[in-house]
C-alpha atoms as a PDB file:
ATOM      1  CA  UNK A   1      -0.265  -6.369   6.311  1.00  0.00           C
ATOM      2  CA  UNK A   2      -1.512  -2.884   7.159  1.00  0.00           C
ATOM      3  CA  UNK A   3      -2.884  -4.110  10.469  1.00  0.00           C
ATOM      4  CA  UNK A   4       0.522  -5.625  11.246  1.00  0.00           C
ATOM      5  CA  UNK A   5       2.265  -2.302  10.661  1.00  0.00           C
ATOM      6  CA  UNK A   6      -0.406  -0.415  12.614  1.00  0.00           C
ATOM      7  CA  UNK A   7      -0.051  -2.777  15.560  1.00  0.00           C
ATOM      8  CA  UNK A   8       3.724  -2.513  15.345  1.00  0.00           C
ATOM      9  CA  UNK A   9       3.475   1.292  15.509  1.00  0.00           C
ATOM     10  CA  UNK A  10       1.013   1.169  18.403  1.00  0.00           C
ATOM     11  CA  UNK A  11       3.229  -1.209  20.350  1.00  0.00           C
ATOM     12  CA  UNK A  12       6.219   1.011  19.718  1.00  0.00           C
ATOM     13  CA  UNK A  13       4.281   4.051  20.888  1.00  0.00           C
ATOM     14  CA  UNK A  14       3.141   2.166  24.011  1.00  0.00           C
ATOM     15  CA  UNK A  15       6.623   0.959  24.947  1.00  0.00           C
ATOM     16  CA  UNK A  16       8.453   4.175  24.023  1.00  0.00           C
ATOM     17  CA  UNK A  17       6.122   7.142  24.669  1.00  0.00           C
ATOM     18  CA  UNK A  18       9.066   9.526  24.350  1.00  0.00           C
ATOM     19  CA  UNK A  19       9.237   8.581  20.645  1.00  0.00           C
ATOM     20  CA  UNK A  20       5.669   9.738  20.026  1.00  0.00           C
ATOM     21  CA  UNK A  21       6.557  11.879  16.947  1.00  0.00           C
ATOM     22  CA  UNK A  22       8.325   8.958  15.278  1.00  0.00           C
ATOM     23  CA  UNK A  23       5.700   6.279  15.904  1.00  0.00           C
ATOM     24  CA  UNK A  24       2.833   8.699  15.287  1.00  0.00           C
ATOM     25  CA  UNK A  25       4.339   9.671  11.952  1.00  0.00           C
ATOM     26  CA  UNK A  26       4.803   6.030  11.062  1.00  0.00           C
ATOM     27  CA  UNK A  27       1.153   5.321  11.924  1.00  0.00           C
ATOM     28  CA  UNK A  28      -0.036   8.239   9.782  1.00  0.00           C
ATOM     29  CA  UNK A  29       2.150   7.043   6.933  1.00  0.00           C
ATOM     30  CA  UNK A  30       0.793   3.504   7.144  1.00  0.00           C
ATOM     31  CA  UNK A  31      -2.779   4.830   7.110  1.00  0.00           C
ATOM     32  CA  UNK A  32      -1.982   6.987   4.084  1.00  0.00           C
ATOM     33  CA  UNK A  33      -0.264   4.069   2.374  1.00  0.00           C
ATOM     34  CA  UNK A  34      -3.355   1.955   2.935  1.00  0.00           C
ATOM     35  CA  UNK A  35      -5.515   4.597   1.260  1.00  0.00           C
ATOM     36  CA  UNK A  36      -3.063   4.752  -1.644  1.00  0.00           C
ATOM     37  CA  UNK A  37      -3.236   0.966  -2.013  1.00  0.00           C
ATOM     38  CA  UNK A  38      -7.030   1.016  -1.947  1.00  0.00           C
ATOM     39  CA  UNK A  39      -7.107   3.682  -4.640  1.00  0.00           C
ATOM     40  CA  UNK A  40      -4.685   1.722  -6.835  1.00  0.00           C
ATOM     41  CA  UNK A  41      -6.739  -1.464  -6.408  1.00  0.00           C
ATOM     42  CA  UNK A  42      -9.902   0.427  -7.381  1.00  0.00           C
ATOM     43  CA  UNK A  43      -8.242   1.867 -10.498  1.00  0.00           C
ATOM     44  CA  UNK A  44      -6.850  -1.515 -11.576  1.00  0.00           C
ATOM     45  CA  UNK A  45     -10.265  -3.150 -11.112  1.00  0.00           C
ATOM     46  CA  UNK A  46     -11.984  -0.424 -13.113  1.00  0.00           C
ATOM     47  CA  UNK A  47      -9.487  -0.639 -15.969  1.00  0.00           C
ATOM     48  CA  UNK A  48      -9.698  -4.445 -15.980  1.00  0.00           C
ATOM     49  CA  UNK A  49     -13.506  -4.341 -16.060  1.00  0.00           C
ATOM     50  CA  UNK A  50     -13.442  -1.949 -19.017  1.00  0.00           C
ATOM     51  CA  UNK A  51     -10.889  -4.100 -20.829  1.00  0.00           C
ATOM     52  CA  UNK A  52     -12.905  -7.274 -20.193  1.00  0.00           C
ATOM     53  CA  UNK A  53     -16.024  -5.540 -21.508  1.00  0.00           C
ATOM     54  CA  UNK A  54     -14.242  -4.598 -24.718  1.00  0.00           C
ATOM     55  CA  UNK A  55     -14.364  -0.866 -24.007  1.00  0.00           C
ATOM     56  CA  UNK A  56     -11.422   1.340 -24.804  1.00  0.00           C
ATOM     57  CA  UNK A  57     -10.878   4.451 -22.805  1.00  0.00           C
ATOM     58  CA  UNK A  58      -8.562   7.298 -23.581  1.00  0.00           C
ATOM     59  CA  UNK A  59      -8.026   7.924 -19.881  1.00  0.00           C
ATOM     60  CA  UNK A  60      -6.841   4.476 -18.801  1.00  0.00           C
ATOM     61  CA  UNK A  61      -4.095   5.621 -16.464  1.00  0.00           C
ATOM     62  CA  UNK A  62      -3.555   4.302 -12.958  1.00  0.00           C
ATOM     63  CA  UNK A  63      -4.004   7.665 -11.227  1.00  0.00           C
ATOM     64  CA  UNK A  64      -0.497   8.437 -10.019  1.00  0.00           C
ATOM     65  CA  UNK A  65      -1.295  12.096  -9.405  1.00  0.00           C
ATOM     66  CA  UNK A  66      -4.226  11.310  -7.121  1.00  0.00           C
ATOM     67  CA  UNK A  67      -2.233   8.658  -5.258  1.00  0.00           C
ATOM     68  CA  UNK A  68       0.651  11.085  -4.827  1.00  0.00           C
ATOM     69  CA  UNK A  69      -1.822  13.677  -3.547  1.00  0.00           C
ATOM     70  CA  UNK A  70      -3.056  11.199  -0.936  1.00  0.00           C
ATOM     71  CA  UNK A  71       0.529  10.659   0.210  1.00  0.00           C
ATOM     72  CA  UNK A  72       1.229  14.402   0.358  1.00  0.00           C
ATOM     73  CA  UNK A  73      -2.014  14.945   2.286  1.00  0.00           C
ATOM     74  CA  UNK A  74      -0.995  12.304   4.836  1.00  0.00           C
ATOM     75  CA  UNK A  75       2.416  13.953   5.186  1.00  0.00           C
ATOM     76  CA  UNK A  76       0.955  17.445   5.592  1.00  0.00           C
ATOM     77  CA  UNK A  77      -1.559  16.324   8.219  1.00  0.00           C
ATOM     78  CA  UNK A  78       1.131  14.355  10.028  1.00  0.00           C
ATOM     79  CA  UNK A  79       3.727  17.116  10.117  1.00  0.00           C
ATOM     80  CA  UNK A  80       1.776  20.352  10.187  1.00  0.00           C
ATOM     81  CA  UNK A  81      -1.259  19.496  12.295  1.00  0.00           C
ATOM     82  CA  UNK A  82      -0.129  16.583  14.466  1.00  0.00           C
ATOM     83  CA  UNK A  83       3.573  17.569  14.647  1.00  0.00           C
ATOM     84  CA  UNK A  84       4.884  14.103  13.842  1.00  0.00           C
ATOM     85  CA  UNK A  85       8.168  13.165  12.211  1.00  0.00           C
ATOM     86  CA  UNK A  86       8.286  13.537   8.390  1.00  0.00           C
ATOM     87  CA  UNK A  87      10.844  10.751   7.702  1.00  0.00           C
ATOM     88  CA  UNK A  88       8.782   8.359   9.826  1.00  0.00           C
ATOM     89  CA  UNK A  89       5.679   9.331   7.861  1.00  0.00           C
ATOM     90  CA  UNK A  90       7.523   8.687   4.597  1.00  0.00           C
ATOM     91  CA  UNK A  91       8.683   5.305   5.907  1.00  0.00           C
ATOM     92  CA  UNK A  92       5.091   4.433   6.785  1.00  0.00           C
ATOM     93  CA  UNK A  93       3.909   5.468   3.326  1.00  0.00           C
ATOM     94  CA  UNK A  94       6.504   3.215   1.708  1.00  0.00           C
ATOM     95  CA  UNK A  95       6.237   0.244   4.080  1.00  0.00           C
ATOM     96  CA  UNK A  96       3.090  -1.314   2.596  1.00  0.00           C
ATOM     97  CA  UNK A  97       3.987  -1.075  -1.107  1.00  0.00           C
ATOM     98  CA  UNK A  98       7.547  -2.220  -0.441  1.00  0.00           C
ATOM     99  CA  UNK A  99       6.456  -5.318   1.459  1.00  0.00           C
ATOM    100  CA  UNK A 100       3.827  -6.021  -1.213  1.00  0.00           C
ATOM    101  CA  UNK A 101       6.524  -5.836  -3.889  1.00  0.00           C
ATOM    102  CA  UNK A 102       8.848  -8.138  -1.966  1.00  0.00           C
ATOM    103  CA  UNK A 103       6.077 -10.682  -1.318  1.00  0.00           C
ATOM    104  CA  UNK A 104       4.989 -10.549  -4.948  1.00  0.00           C
ATOM    105  CA  UNK A 105       8.502 -11.109  -6.236  1.00  0.00           C
ATOM    106  CA  UNK A 106       9.027 -13.994  -3.832  1.00  0.00           C
ATOM    107  CA  UNK A 107       5.742 -15.575  -4.958  1.00  0.00           C
ATOM    108  CA  UNK A 108       6.789 -15.306  -8.606  1.00  0.00           C
ATOM    109  CA  UNK A 109      10.212 -16.819  -7.990  1.00  0.00           C
ATOM    110  CA  UNK A 110       8.857 -19.678  -5.874  1.00  0.00           C
ATOM    111  CA  UNK A 111       8.668 -22.964  -7.765  1.00  0.00           C
ATOM    112  CA  UNK A 112       5.317 -24.692  -7.343  1.00  0.00           C
ATOM    113  CA  UNK A 113       6.228 -28.179  -8.537  1.00  0.00           C
ATOM    114  CA  UNK A 114       2.682 -28.775  -9.798  1.00  0.00           C
ATOM    115  CA  UNK A 115       1.359 -29.471 -13.268  1.00  0.00           C
ATOM    116  CA  UNK A 116       1.136 -26.546 -15.699  1.00  0.00           C
ATOM    117  CA  UNK A 117      -2.626 -27.032 -16.136  1.00  0.00           C
ATOM    118  CA  UNK A 118      -3.132 -26.475 -12.399  1.00  0.00           C
ATOM    119  CA  UNK A 119      -2.096 -22.869 -12.803  1.00  0.00           C
ATOM    120  CA  UNK A 120      -4.830 -22.155 -15.327  1.00  0.00           C
ATOM    121  CA  UNK A 121      -7.522 -23.619 -13.103  1.00  0.00           C
ATOM    122  CA  UNK A 122      -8.433 -26.499 -15.432  1.00  0.00           C
ATOM    123  CA  UNK A 123     -10.022 -29.610 -14.009  1.00  0.00           C
ATOM    124  CA  UNK A 124      -8.290 -32.915 -14.522  1.00  0.00           C
END
């Protein structure tokens, strides 16, 4: 999904070079959103591994502050150093999680039509 958005931004930049700040900001936002998604996946895996091992941790949060810091860092680099568009950067940061949410909700609402034991992975 990230590669799709990166290619979309690169194609936009190639076809409309006069919109460089917009497409560049979008590309920086998508890259930052990818790092945020990787960090969230790492935190979820770590918490799940601790829970499966029977360990309880007092600090079992998902790391919102660090993920927000990654997003702010992407925005600062995009706007201050590369002089890209801030709303485009914000759109890039939100594109990946928003599409993931929409795809997840559509997968939940989709009816499979199979047997209930197929979902648990049991052999017949």
